[in-house]
Amino acid sequence: MADKQNDGEPQFPTYKGKPLVRCGDVIYYGSMKDRYVVRLEIKSKKKVKDLDVADRVGIQLMLTDQTVRNRKQIVKTSEKNGLYLAMDLADVWLSRALAE
């Protein structure tokens, strides 16, 4: 589903200029080439008419450095009700972390 760019890398959907990559109920926000990314995990869903909508979403600001142990990669964590609030917080965290 990802289209190919001219440079051979896949092009992903973006939110506020940063890529979104989804695998099941986990969404990664940001580029793996940067120092940080945000991991959003949909923990519960609710039915709205015929659609499943994210209800509780876990958020983790993570280091992309593979030399750091998994537990040490997590910088911040939170949980929000709804994907919109989670994405809003994820954008703030990622923007501030990348500005350092």
Protein backbone atom coordinates (compact mmCIF):
# COMPACT_ATOMS: atom_id res chain seq x y z
CA MET A 1 0.00 0.00 0.00
CA ALA A 2 2.98 2.30 0.39
CA ASP A 3 3.86 4.09 -2.83
CA LYS A 4 7.47 4.29 -3.94
CA GLN A 5 9.23 7.65 -4.10
CA ASN A 6 11.87 8.47 -6.69
CA ASP A 7 14.71 7.66 -4.25
CA GLY A 8 13.45 4.10 -3.72
CA GLU A 9 12.18 4.56 -0.16
CA PRO A 10 8.52 3.86 0.64
CA GLN A 11 6.27 6.86 1.23
CA PHE A 12 4.01 6.59 4.28
CA PRO A 13 0.97 8.62 5.30
CA THR A 14 1.97 11.64 7.37
CA TYR A 15 0.58 13.69 10.25
CA LYS A 16 1.97 17.21 10.60
CA GLY A 17 4.81 16.31 8.26
CA LYS A 18 5.98 13.20 10.10
CA PRO A 19 5.38 9.62 8.87
CA LEU A 20 2.82 7.24 10.36
CA VAL A 21 3.45 3.50 10.17
CA ARG A 22 0.81 1.06 11.41
CA CYS A 23 1.14 -2.61 12.29
CA GLY A 24 -2.05 -4.03 13.78
CA ASP A 25 -3.02 -1.94 16.81
CA VAL A 26 0.38 -0.22 17.02
CA ILE A 27 1.16 3.06 15.23
CA TYR A 28 4.66 4.52 15.01
CA TYR A 29 4.81 8.30 14.56
CA GLY A 30 8.05 9.83 13.31
CA SER A 31 11.02 8.73 11.25
CA MET A 32 13.31 5.93 12.39
CA LYS A 33 16.18 8.06 11.02
CA ASP A 34 15.55 10.62 13.79
CA ARG A 35 16.68 10.20 17.39
CA TYR A 36 13.12 9.68 18.72
CA VAL A 37 9.80 8.19 17.58
CA VAL A 38 6.46 7.82 19.34
CA ARG A 39 4.75 4.44 19.70
CA LEU A 40 0.97 4.55 20.03
CA GLU A 41 -0.77 1.34 21.09
CA ILE A 42 -4.55 1.04 20.82
CA LYS A 43 -5.46 -0.72 24.06
CA SER A 44 -9.23 -0.77 23.66
CA LYS A 45 -11.82 0.01 21.01
CA LYS A 46 -15.48 0.93 21.04
CA LYS A 47 -18.17 0.56 18.40
CA VAL A 48 -19.51 3.72 16.79
CA LYS A 49 -22.25 2.65 14.38
CA ASP A 50 -20.45 -0.06 12.37
CA LEU A 51 -16.88 1.12 12.98
CA ASP A 52 -14.33 0.20 15.64
CA VAL A 53 -12.91 3.43 17.08
CA ALA A 54 -9.85 3.66 19.34
CA ASP A 55 -10.92 4.27 22.94
CA ARG A 56 -7.81 3.99 25.15
CA VAL A 57 -4.41 4.65 23.57
CA GLY A 58 -1.03 4.13 25.22
CA ILE A 59 1.73 6.55 24.20
CA GLN A 60 5.51 6.04 24.48
CA LEU A 61 8.27 8.42 23.43
CA MET A 62 11.16 6.15 22.47
CA LEU A 63 14.80 6.39 21.43
CA THR A 64 15.54 4.84 18.04
CA ASP A 65 19.09 3.89 19.05
CA GLN A 66 19.30 0.09 18.70
CA THR A 67 22.35 -0.12 21.00
CA VAL A 68 20.19 0.90 23.99
CA ARG A 69 18.29 -1.87 25.80
CA ASN A 70 14.53 -2.02 25.16
CA ARG A 71 13.51 -0.81 28.61
CA LYS A 72 15.93 2.11 28.46
CA GLN A 73 14.59 3.20 25.05
CA ILE A 74 11.33 4.42 26.60
CA VAL A 75 11.67 8.08 27.64
CA LYS A 76 8.04 9.00 28.50
CA THR A 77 4.73 7.16 28.75
CA SER A 78 1.11 8.18 29.05
CA GLU A 79 -2.39 7.00 28.23
CA LYS A 80 -5.19 9.02 26.63
CA ASN A 81 -8.82 8.47 25.74
CA GLY A 82 -9.16 8.63 21.97
CA LEU A 83 -6.70 8.65 19.11
CA TYR A 84 -6.96 12.40 18.50
CA LEU A 85 -5.80 13.31 22.02
CA ALA A 86 -3.04 10.70 21.82
CA MET A 87 -1.80 12.01 18.45
CA ASP A 88 -1.87 15.58 19.74
CA LEU A 89 0.30 14.66 22.75
CA ALA A 90 2.57 12.52 20.57
CA ASP A 91 3.22 15.46 18.25
CA VAL A 92 4.10 17.76 21.16
CA TRP A 93 6.45 15.20 22.73
CA LEU A 94 8.17 14.39 19.45
CA SER A 95 8.57 18.03 18.40
CA ARG A 96 10.11 18.96 21.75
CA ALA A 97 12.39 15.92 21.84
CA LEU A 98 13.69 16.50 18.31
CA ALA A 99 14.29 20.20 19.05
CA GLU A 100 16.81 19.35 21.79
